[in-house]
Amino acid sequence: MVQVAGTAGGVGTTTVAALLFAALSQDVLGAPQLYDHAAGELGLRLPEGDDVRLVNPALGLHDCGAHPTAALQRLADSHTMLVLVTAATPAGGAAAERVLDEIVAQHGAGQLRRVLVVAAGVFGRHRIGAQLRALGARVGTRSVILLPQDLSLAAGGRIPLVRLATHTVRAQLQLASVLRERLRSRS
């Protein structure tokens, strides 16, 4: 199970879950099963809807929304991964640090290997390079992905994959690639 949880409302949790679903749906094994905390919000963001050729019953993707505490409890299950979404701001970095501290307190530092952090870009200039490096020191450098601010993601409704900026597509593919690696190593 892949839990996608945000440090706060509006940080892009559902968008990240939809981008992950789109990337993972291309796998030979099939698309993950979807679980949505908010009665259909995730379905409205999916780039091509939830119609897929094949569903992989062994993999679930749960959009937890702004509920990291519930996702943290599920880390007790060794088959659970957490994608923590936060705003790419100093406050967002601090919020992610607090969630990582809570994971260590509840489950031990070893469980940070099952965490990926996505810092979702926001409008305005924010100097967060040092915070992203600090997060990377805790969960692994490749496990911290900066999803750049992209006007194609800012609008509601389905995500128009063909209009995503190159940097956004690169971040989406990096996130899916690192997640696949982590999932394979857990098997």
Protein backbone atom coordinates (compact mmCIF):
# COMPACT_ATOMS: atom_id res chain seq x y z
CA MET A 1 0.00 0.00 0.00
CA VAL A 2 1.25 3.44 -0.91
CA GLN A 3 -0.14 6.13 1.37
CA VAL A 4 -0.04 9.66 -0.10
CA ALA A 5 -0.52 12.13 2.75
CA GLY A 6 -0.14 15.89 2.95
CA THR A 7 1.29 17.96 5.77
CA ALA A 8 -1.65 20.37 5.34
CA GLY A 9 -4.69 20.87 3.17
CA GLY A 10 -4.08 22.29 -0.30
CA VAL A 11 -0.44 21.19 -0.62
CA GLY A 12 -1.12 18.99 -3.65
CA THR A 13 -1.69 15.56 -2.14
CA THR A 14 -4.46 14.58 -4.55
CA THR A 15 -2.49 15.95 -7.49
CA VAL A 16 0.58 13.91 -6.51
CA ALA A 17 -1.59 10.80 -6.10
CA ALA A 18 -3.09 11.37 -9.57
CA LEU A 19 0.36 11.86 -11.13
CA LEU A 20 1.59 8.69 -9.44
CA PHE A 21 -1.43 6.75 -10.65
CA ALA A 22 -0.83 7.95 -14.22
CA ALA A 23 2.84 6.91 -14.09
CA LEU A 24 2.23 3.57 -12.36
CA SER A 25 -0.63 2.72 -14.75
CA GLN A 26 1.97 2.27 -17.48
CA ASP A 27 3.51 -0.71 -15.67
CA VAL A 28 3.23 -4.16 -17.17
CA LEU A 29 1.70 -5.43 -13.93
CA GLY A 30 -1.15 -2.93 -14.14
CA ALA A 31 -2.46 0.11 -12.36
CA PRO A 32 -2.71 0.31 -8.58
CA GLN A 33 -6.08 0.03 -6.89
CA LEU A 34 -7.27 3.47 -5.81
CA TYR A 35 -8.45 4.50 -2.38
CA ASP A 36 -9.67 8.05 -1.88
CA HIS A 37 -10.21 9.83 1.42
CA ALA A 38 -12.59 12.36 -0.15
CA ALA A 39 -15.36 10.68 -2.11
CA GLY A 40 -14.11 11.11 -5.65
CA GLU A 41 -11.73 14.08 -5.55
CA LEU A 42 -8.90 11.85 -6.73
CA GLY A 43 -11.00 10.51 -9.59
CA LEU A 44 -11.62 14.05 -10.80
CA ARG A 45 -7.86 14.73 -11.01
CA LEU A 46 -6.82 11.54 -12.82
CA PRO A 47 -5.44 12.54 -16.22
CA GLU A 48 -7.29 9.85 -18.14
CA GLY A 49 -9.84 8.73 -15.57
CA ASP A 50 -9.57 5.40 -13.82
CA ASP A 51 -10.11 3.27 -16.93
CA VAL A 52 -7.05 1.05 -17.25
CA ARG A 53 -6.29 -2.14 -19.12
CA LEU A 54 -5.26 -4.03 -16.03
CA VAL A 55 -5.48 -3.45 -12.27
CA ASN A 56 -2.70 -4.78 -10.06
CA PRO A 57 -4.47 -6.14 -6.96
CA ALA A 58 -1.14 -6.35 -5.12
CA LEU A 59 -0.64 -2.57 -5.14
CA GLY A 60 -2.90 0.06 -3.62
CA LEU A 61 -2.60 3.83 -3.86
CA HIS A 62 -4.39 5.70 -1.07
CA ASP A 63 -4.93 9.45 -1.22
CA CYS A 64 -5.05 10.23 2.50
CA GLY A 65 -5.41 13.98 2.02
CA ALA A 66 -4.14 16.15 4.85
CA HIS A 67 -4.10 13.24 7.30
CA PRO A 68 -0.48 12.22 7.89
CA THR A 69 -1.30 10.86 11.36
CA ALA A 70 -3.52 8.12 9.91
CA ALA A 71 -0.86 7.28 7.31
CA LEU A 72 1.81 7.12 10.04
CA GLN A 73 -0.18 4.52 11.93
CA ARG A 74 -0.25 2.37 8.80
CA LEU A 75 3.56 2.38 8.65
CA ALA A 76 3.42 -0.32 11.31
CA ASP A 77 2.61 -2.62 8.36
CA SER A 78 5.92 -3.43 6.65
CA HIS A 79 4.18 -3.41 3.24
CA THR A 80 3.22 0.26 3.51
CA MET A 81 5.10 3.12 1.89
CA LEU A 82 4.45 6.80 2.59
CA VAL A 83 4.62 9.62 0.06
CA LEU A 84 4.60 12.75 2.19
CA VAL A 85 3.51 15.85 0.29
CA THR A 86 4.35 19.30 1.58
CA ALA A 87 4.53 22.82 0.21
CA ALA A 88 7.91 23.87 -1.17
CA THR A 89 8.18 26.65 1.41
CA PRO A 90 10.12 27.03 4.66
CA ALA A 91 6.92 26.27 6.61
CA GLY A 92 6.27 23.22 4.43
CA GLY A 93 9.80 21.94 5.04
CA ALA A 94 9.34 22.39 8.79
CA ALA A 95 6.02 20.53 8.64
CA ALA A 96 7.68 17.63 6.81
CA GLU A 97 10.44 17.54 9.45
CA ARG A 98 7.79 17.29 12.20
CA VAL A 99 6.13 14.34 10.44
CA LEU A 100 9.50 12.60 10.03
CA ASP A 101 10.19 13.19 13.74
CA GLU A 102 6.84 11.56 14.52
CA ILE A 103 7.70 8.54 12.33
CA VAL A 104 10.98 8.10 14.20
CA ALA A 105 9.21 8.44 17.56
CA GLN A 106 6.52 5.90 16.65
CA HIS A 107 8.37 3.40 14.47
CA GLY A 108 12.12 4.08 14.67
CA ALA A 109 14.58 5.74 12.30
CA GLY A 110 14.76 2.63 10.09
CA GLN A 111 11.22 3.28 8.86
CA LEU A 112 12.33 6.48 7.12
CA ARG A 113 13.49 4.20 4.26
CA ARG A 114 9.81 3.76 3.46
CA VAL A 115 9.16 7.50 3.10
CA LEU A 116 9.37 9.68 0.01
CA VAL A 117 8.94 13.44 0.37
CA VAL A 118 7.41 15.54 -2.39
CA ALA A 119 7.84 19.29 -2.04
CA ALA A 120 5.12 20.77 -4.26
CA GLY A 121 5.99 24.11 -5.81
CA VAL A 122 3.91 27.13 -4.95
CA PHE A 123 3.72 30.64 -6.38
CA GLY A 124 6.40 33.04 -5.24
CA ARG A 125 10.07 32.63 -4.45
CA HIS A 126 11.04 30.46 -1.52
CA ARG A 127 14.58 29.49 -0.60
CA ILE A 128 14.27 25.91 0.52
CA GLY A 129 17.40 24.26 -0.89
CA ALA A 130 18.95 23.77 2.55
CA GLN A 131 15.71 22.30 3.92
CA LEU A 132 15.41 19.89 0.98
CA ARG A 133 19.01 18.76 1.55
CA ALA A 134 18.26 18.25 5.26
CA LEU A 135 15.19 16.17 4.40
CA GLY A 136 17.31 14.21 1.91
CA ALA A 137 19.87 13.49 4.63
CA ARG A 138 17.10 11.84 6.63
CA VAL A 139 15.19 9.86 3.98
CA GLY A 140 17.76 9.64 1.18
CA THR A 141 18.68 12.23 -1.42
CA ARG A 142 16.72 10.55 -4.23
CA SER A 143 13.71 10.26 -1.91
CA VAL A 144 13.08 14.01 -1.87
CA ILE A 145 11.44 15.19 -5.06
CA LEU A 146 10.73 18.81 -5.91
CA LEU A 147 7.55 19.01 -7.97
CA PRO A 148 7.86 22.42 -9.60
CA GLN A 149 5.08 24.96 -9.66
CA ASP A 150 3.18 24.31 -12.91
CA LEU A 151 0.13 26.23 -14.10
CA SER A 152 -1.22 23.04 -15.67
CA LEU A 153 -1.45 21.53 -12.19
CA ALA A 154 -2.93 24.64 -10.59
CA ALA A 155 -6.27 24.40 -12.37
CA GLY A 156 -8.86 21.99 -11.02
CA GLY A 157 -10.18 19.00 -12.89
CA ARG A 158 -8.28 16.41 -14.87
CA ILE A 159 -4.54 16.91 -15.13
CA PRO A 160 -3.62 17.64 -18.76
CA LEU A 161 -0.50 15.49 -19.13
CA VAL A 162 0.31 16.91 -22.57
CA ARG A 163 0.54 20.44 -21.15
CA LEU A 164 2.79 19.65 -18.19
CA ALA A 165 6.14 21.42 -18.15
CA THR A 166 9.20 19.28 -18.82
CA HIS A 167 10.40 19.75 -15.24
CA THR A 168 7.05 18.51 -13.94
CA VAL A 169 7.16 15.39 -16.11
CA ARG A 170 10.73 14.76 -14.97
CA ALA A 171 9.66 15.03 -11.31
CA GLN A 172 6.68 12.71 -11.92
CA LEU A 173 8.92 10.08 -13.53
CA GLN A 174 11.53 10.41 -10.77
CA LEU A 175 8.88 9.93 -8.10
CA ALA A 176 7.45 6.85 -9.84
CA SER A 177 10.94 5.42 -10.45
CA VAL A 178 12.08 5.79 -6.83
CA LEU A 179 8.77 4.41 -5.58
CA ARG A 180 9.07 1.37 -7.87
CA GLU A 181 12.63 0.75 -6.61
CA ARG A 182 11.47 0.93 -3.00
CA LEU A 183 8.52 -1.37 -3.68
CA ARG A 184 10.76 -3.93 -5.39
CA SER A 185 13.21 -3.89 -2.49
CA ARG A 186 10.32 -4.51 -0.06
CA SER A 187 9.19 -7.67 -1.93
